[in-house]
């Protein structure tokens, strides 16, 4: 079935007449999909670990209610002690961890 609206042809047709569609990158380089997987998709161990980690993080609560309650109680009781050295150490650690990301964006 064909219909034209404002000169746009919206006909659909089968792709490749029963042949698998190659990815643009594979078609350009002449690379063939992995023979190990019939779909041509290969997931690395690292990708699996990241997917598993993502699932674990999704299942964790966003806020540790027990920790919040303990800090709130300590603040109310006046027993919460701020540790400036620990705060500074953690800020430096975060800065060092993020430094390589800043270098990549400057390139």
N, C-alpha and C. Protein backbone atom coordinates (compact mmCIF):
# COMPACT_ATOMS: atom_id res chain seq x y z
N UNK A 1 0.85 -1.18 0.00
CA UNK A 1 0.00 0.00 0.00
C UNK A 1 0.89 1.23 0.00
N UNK A 2 0.53 2.22 -0.75
CA UNK A 2 1.33 3.41 -0.88
C UNK A 2 0.45 4.63 -0.65
N UNK A 3 1.02 5.60 0.08
CA UNK A 3 0.30 6.86 0.25
C UNK A 3 1.33 7.97 0.26
N UNK A 4 0.99 9.06 -0.40
CA UNK A 4 1.90 10.19 -0.44
C UNK A 4 1.21 11.38 0.20
N UNK A 5 1.93 11.97 1.15
CA UNK A 5 1.44 13.18 1.79
C UNK A 5 2.54 14.21 1.63
N UNK A 6 2.23 15.30 0.98
CA UNK A 6 3.19 16.37 0.75
C UNK A 6 4.48 15.86 0.11
N UNK A 7 4.37 14.90 -0.79
CA UNK A 7 5.53 14.42 -1.52
C UNK A 7 6.35 13.38 -0.77
N UNK A 8 5.91 12.93 0.38
CA UNK A 8 6.65 11.93 1.16
C UNK A 8 6.05 10.57 0.87
N UNK A 9 6.88 9.63 0.44
CA UNK A 9 6.43 8.28 0.14
C UNK A 9 6.55 7.44 1.41
N UNK A 10 5.45 6.91 1.91
CA UNK A 10 5.46 6.16 3.17
C UNK A 10 5.33 4.66 2.96
N UNK A 11 5.68 4.18 1.76
CA UNK A 11 5.59 2.74 1.50
C UNK A 11 6.62 1.99 2.34
N UNK A 12 6.25 0.80 2.74
CA UNK A 12 7.18 -0.07 3.44
C UNK A 12 7.45 -1.28 2.58
N UNK A 13 8.66 -1.79 2.68
CA UNK A 13 9.01 -2.98 1.92
C UNK A 13 9.91 -3.85 2.77
N UNK A 14 9.93 -5.14 2.50
CA UNK A 14 10.78 -6.02 3.30
C UNK A 14 12.25 -5.70 3.07
N UNK A 15 13.04 -5.87 4.10
CA UNK A 15 14.47 -5.58 4.03
C UNK A 15 15.21 -6.85 3.67
N UNK A 16 16.01 -6.80 2.62
CA UNK A 16 16.91 -7.88 2.29
C UNK A 16 16.24 -9.17 1.86
N UNK A 17 14.97 -9.20 1.64
CA UNK A 17 14.25 -10.39 1.18
C UNK A 17 14.67 -11.64 1.95
N UNK A 18 14.53 -11.60 3.27
CA UNK A 18 14.84 -12.77 4.08
C UNK A 18 16.29 -12.85 4.52
N UNK A 19 17.11 -11.92 4.10
CA UNK A 19 18.52 -11.91 4.46
C UNK A 19 18.72 -11.04 5.69
N UNK A 20 19.63 -11.41 6.58
CA UNK A 20 19.90 -10.62 7.78
C UNK A 20 20.46 -9.26 7.39
N UNK A 21 20.07 -8.23 8.13
CA UNK A 21 20.54 -6.88 7.87
C UNK A 21 21.89 -6.70 8.52
N UNK A 22 22.88 -6.21 7.76
CA UNK A 22 24.21 -5.97 8.32
C UNK A 22 24.23 -4.61 9.00
N UNK A 23 24.99 -4.51 10.06
CA UNK A 23 25.17 -3.22 10.70
C UNK A 23 25.93 -2.31 9.76
N UNK A 24 25.71 -1.00 9.89
CA UNK A 24 26.38 -0.05 9.01
C UNK A 24 27.89 -0.17 9.12
N UNK A 25 28.43 -0.34 10.32
CA UNK A 25 29.87 -0.45 10.51
C UNK A 25 30.38 -1.71 9.85
N UNK A 26 29.65 -2.83 10.02
CA UNK A 26 30.07 -4.09 9.43
C UNK A 26 30.02 -4.03 7.91
N UNK A 27 28.99 -3.38 7.38
CA UNK A 27 28.87 -3.28 5.93
C UNK A 27 29.98 -2.41 5.36
N UNK A 28 30.36 -1.36 6.08
CA UNK A 28 31.39 -0.45 5.59
C UNK A 28 32.78 -1.09 5.63
N UNK A 29 33.04 -1.90 6.65
CA UNK A 29 34.37 -2.49 6.80
C UNK A 29 34.46 -3.87 6.19
N UNK A 30 33.33 -4.43 5.84
CA UNK A 30 33.33 -5.78 5.29
C UNK A 30 33.42 -6.85 6.36
N UNK A 31 33.33 -6.44 7.63
CA UNK A 31 33.42 -7.40 8.74
C UNK A 31 32.15 -8.22 8.81
N UNK A 32 32.29 -9.46 9.18
CA UNK A 32 31.15 -10.34 9.33
C UNK A 32 30.84 -10.51 10.81
N UNK A 33 29.59 -10.74 11.17
CA UNK A 33 29.25 -10.97 12.57
C UNK A 33 29.95 -12.21 13.09
N UNK A 34 30.09 -12.28 14.42
CA UNK A 34 30.70 -13.44 15.06
C UNK A 34 29.95 -14.70 14.66
N UNK A 35 30.71 -15.74 14.35
CA UNK A 35 30.07 -17.00 13.99
C UNK A 35 29.57 -17.74 15.21
N UNK A 36 30.02 -17.32 16.42
CA UNK A 36 29.62 -17.99 17.64
C UNK A 36 28.15 -17.74 17.95
N UNK A 37 27.65 -16.58 17.61
CA UNK A 37 26.28 -16.20 17.95
C UNK A 37 25.47 -16.06 16.67
N UNK A 38 24.33 -16.74 16.57
CA UNK A 38 23.53 -16.63 15.35
C UNK A 38 23.03 -15.22 15.09
N UNK A 39 22.88 -14.40 16.13
CA UNK A 39 22.38 -13.05 15.94
C UNK A 39 23.49 -12.06 15.63
N UNK A 40 24.75 -12.48 15.79
CA UNK A 40 25.87 -11.57 15.55
C UNK A 40 26.18 -10.68 16.74
N UNK A 41 25.50 -10.89 17.86
CA UNK A 41 25.73 -10.08 19.05
C UNK A 41 26.60 -10.87 20.02
N UNK A 42 27.66 -10.25 20.49
CA UNK A 42 28.55 -10.90 21.45
C UNK A 42 28.72 -9.98 22.64
N UNK A 43 28.35 -10.45 23.83
CA UNK A 43 28.46 -9.64 25.04
C UNK A 43 29.68 -10.10 25.80
N UNK A 44 30.56 -9.17 26.13
CA UNK A 44 31.77 -9.50 26.85
C UNK A 44 31.47 -9.76 28.32
N UNK A 45 32.44 -10.38 28.99
CA UNK A 45 32.29 -10.62 30.42
C UNK A 45 32.16 -9.33 31.20
N UNK A 46 32.91 -8.31 30.77
CA UNK A 46 32.85 -7.01 31.43
C UNK A 46 31.46 -6.40 31.28
N UNK A 47 30.87 -6.53 30.11
CA UNK A 47 29.53 -5.98 29.89
C UNK A 47 28.51 -6.70 30.78
N UNK A 48 28.69 -8.02 30.92
CA UNK A 48 27.78 -8.77 31.80
C UNK A 48 27.93 -8.31 33.25
N UNK A 49 29.18 -8.11 33.68
CA UNK A 49 29.42 -7.66 35.06
C UNK A 49 28.79 -6.29 35.27
N UNK A 50 28.93 -5.40 34.30
CA UNK A 50 28.33 -4.07 34.42
C UNK A 50 26.82 -4.15 34.47
N UNK A 51 26.23 -5.02 33.68
CA UNK A 51 24.78 -5.18 33.69
C UNK A 51 24.32 -5.73 35.04
N UNK A 52 25.07 -6.71 35.58
CA UNK A 52 24.73 -7.25 36.89
C UNK A 52 24.85 -6.19 37.98
N UNK A 53 25.91 -5.39 37.92
CA UNK A 53 26.12 -4.32 38.89
C UNK A 53 25.00 -3.28 38.80
N UNK A 54 24.62 -2.96 37.57
CA UNK A 54 23.52 -2.01 37.39
C UNK A 54 22.23 -2.52 38.02
N UNK A 55 21.97 -3.81 37.86
CA UNK A 55 20.76 -4.39 38.45
C UNK A 55 20.81 -4.33 39.97
N UNK A 56 21.98 -4.64 40.56
CA UNK A 56 22.13 -4.58 42.02
C UNK A 56 21.90 -3.16 42.50
N UNK A 57 22.45 -2.18 41.79
CA UNK A 57 22.27 -0.78 42.19
C UNK A 57 20.82 -0.34 42.09
N UNK A 58 20.11 -0.83 41.08
CA UNK A 58 18.70 -0.49 40.93
C UNK A 58 17.88 -1.01 42.10
N UNK A 59 18.30 -2.17 42.63
CA UNK A 59 17.54 -2.78 43.72
C UNK A 59 17.86 -2.17 45.08
N UNK A 60 18.96 -1.42 45.18
CA UNK A 60 19.35 -0.80 46.45
C UNK A 60 18.53 0.47 46.67
N UNK A 61 18.20 0.77 47.92
CA UNK A 61 17.49 2.01 48.19
C UNK A 61 18.41 3.22 47.92
N UNK A 62 17.82 4.31 47.50
CA UNK A 62 18.59 5.52 47.19
C UNK A 62 19.18 6.14 48.45
N UNK A 63 18.52 5.94 49.58
CA UNK A 63 18.96 6.53 50.84
C UNK A 63 19.04 5.43 51.90
N UNK A 64 20.13 5.43 52.65
CA UNK A 64 20.29 4.48 53.77
C UNK A 64 19.57 5.08 54.97
N UNK A 65 18.32 4.67 55.15
CA UNK A 65 17.47 5.25 56.20
C UNK A 65 18.06 5.05 57.59
N UNK A 66 18.71 3.92 57.83
CA UNK A 66 19.29 3.65 59.15
C UNK A 66 20.43 4.63 59.44
N UNK A 67 21.24 4.91 58.43
CA UNK A 67 22.35 5.84 58.62
C UNK A 67 21.82 7.27 58.85
N UNK A 68 20.80 7.63 58.09
CA UNK A 68 20.20 8.96 58.26
C UNK A 68 19.63 9.11 59.66
N UNK A 69 18.95 8.08 60.14
CA UNK A 69 18.37 8.12 61.49
C UNK A 69 19.46 8.22 62.56
N UNK A 70 20.56 7.48 62.38
CA UNK A 70 21.65 7.52 63.36
C UNK A 70 22.31 8.90 63.40
N UNK A 71 22.53 9.50 62.23
CA UNK A 71 23.14 10.83 62.19
C UNK A 71 22.19 11.87 62.76
N UNK A 72 20.91 11.76 62.43
CA UNK A 72 19.92 12.70 62.97
C UNK A 72 19.87 12.63 64.49
N UNK A 73 19.90 11.43 65.04
CA UNK A 73 19.88 11.26 66.49
C UNK A 73 21.13 11.86 67.12
N UNK A 74 22.29 11.62 66.48
CA UNK A 74 23.55 12.17 67.01
C UNK A 74 23.55 13.68 66.95
N UNK A 75 22.99 14.26 65.89
CA UNK A 75 22.90 15.72 65.79
C UNK A 75 22.00 16.29 66.89
N UNK A 76 20.85 15.66 67.10
CA UNK A 76 19.92 16.12 68.13
C UNK A 76 20.53 16.01 69.53
N UNK A 77 21.30 14.96 69.73
CA UNK A 77 21.92 14.75 71.05
C UNK A 77 23.20 15.57 71.22
N UNK A 78 23.67 16.16 70.14
CA UNK A 78 24.89 16.95 70.21
C UNK A 78 26.16 16.10 70.26
N UNK A 79 26.06 14.85 69.87
CA UNK A 79 27.22 13.96 69.93
C UNK A 79 27.87 13.71 68.56
N UNK A 80 27.29 14.28 67.52
CA UNK A 80 27.86 14.06 66.19
C UNK A 80 29.15 14.87 66.06
N UNK A 81 30.21 14.19 65.69
CA UNK A 81 31.50 14.87 65.56
C UNK A 81 31.91 14.95 64.09
N UNK A 82 32.18 16.17 63.67
CA UNK A 82 32.65 16.39 62.31
C UNK A 82 34.13 16.08 62.26
N UNK A 83 34.54 15.35 61.22
CA UNK A 83 35.94 14.97 61.06
C UNK A 83 36.49 15.66 59.80
N UNK A 84 37.02 16.90 59.95
CA UNK A 84 37.45 17.65 58.77
C UNK A 84 38.54 16.94 57.96
N UNK A 85 39.44 16.19 58.63
CA UNK A 85 40.49 15.48 57.90
C UNK A 85 39.89 14.40 56.99
N UNK A 86 38.89 13.71 57.50
CA UNK A 86 38.24 12.65 56.71
C UNK A 86 37.50 13.27 55.52
N UNK A 87 36.83 14.38 55.74
CA UNK A 87 36.12 15.07 54.66
C UNK A 87 37.11 15.50 53.58
N UNK A 88 38.24 16.11 54.01
CA UNK A 88 39.25 16.56 53.06
C UNK A 88 39.83 15.38 52.28
N UNK A 89 40.12 14.28 52.97
CA UNK A 89 40.66 13.09 52.30
C UNK A 89 39.69 12.56 51.25
N UNK A 90 38.41 12.51 51.58
CA UNK A 90 37.42 12.01 50.63
C UNK A 90 37.26 12.95 49.43
N UNK A 91 37.31 14.26 49.67
CA UNK A 91 37.23 15.21 48.56
C UNK A 91 38.42 15.05 47.63
N UNK A 92 39.62 14.88 48.20
CA UNK A 92 40.81 14.66 47.37
C UNK A 92 40.70 13.35 46.59
N UNK A 93 40.19 12.33 47.24
CA UNK A 93 40.03 11.04 46.57
C UNK A 93 39.07 11.16 45.38
N UNK A 94 37.97 11.86 45.56
CA UNK A 94 37.01 12.07 44.47
C UNK A 94 37.66 12.88 43.35
N UNK A 95 38.39 13.92 43.70
CA UNK A 95 39.07 14.75 42.71
C UNK A 95 40.05 13.92 41.89
N UNK A 96 40.82 13.07 42.55
CA UNK A 96 41.79 12.22 41.85
C UNK A 96 41.09 11.21 40.95
N UNK A 97 39.99 10.67 41.40
CA UNK A 97 39.23 9.70 40.60
C UNK A 97 38.63 10.34 39.37
N UNK A 98 38.21 11.59 39.48
CA UNK A 98 37.57 12.28 38.35
C UNK A 98 38.56 12.98 37.43
N UNK A 99 39.81 13.15 37.86
CA UNK A 99 40.82 13.87 37.06
C UNK A 99 40.97 13.30 35.65
N UNK A 100 41.06 11.98 35.46
CA UNK A 100 41.20 11.46 34.10
C UNK A 100 40.03 11.83 33.20
N UNK A 101 38.85 11.94 33.73
CA UNK A 101 37.69 12.32 32.93
C UNK A 101 37.82 13.76 32.44
N UNK A 102 38.36 14.64 33.27
CA UNK A 102 38.57 16.03 32.87
C UNK A 102 39.63 16.15 31.80
N UNK A 103 40.63 15.30 31.85
CA UNK A 103 41.69 15.33 30.85
C UNK A 103 41.16 14.88 29.50
N UNK A 104 40.25 13.92 29.46
CA UNK A 104 39.67 13.44 28.20
C UNK A 104 38.87 14.52 27.51
N UNK A 105 38.14 15.32 28.27
CA UNK A 105 37.32 16.36 27.65
C UNK A 105 38.16 17.53 27.15
N UNK A 106 39.37 17.69 27.66
CA UNK A 106 40.24 18.77 27.20
C UNK A 106 40.99 18.42 25.92
N UNK A 107 40.95 17.18 25.51
CA UNK A 107 41.69 16.76 24.32
C UNK A 107 40.96 17.07 23.06
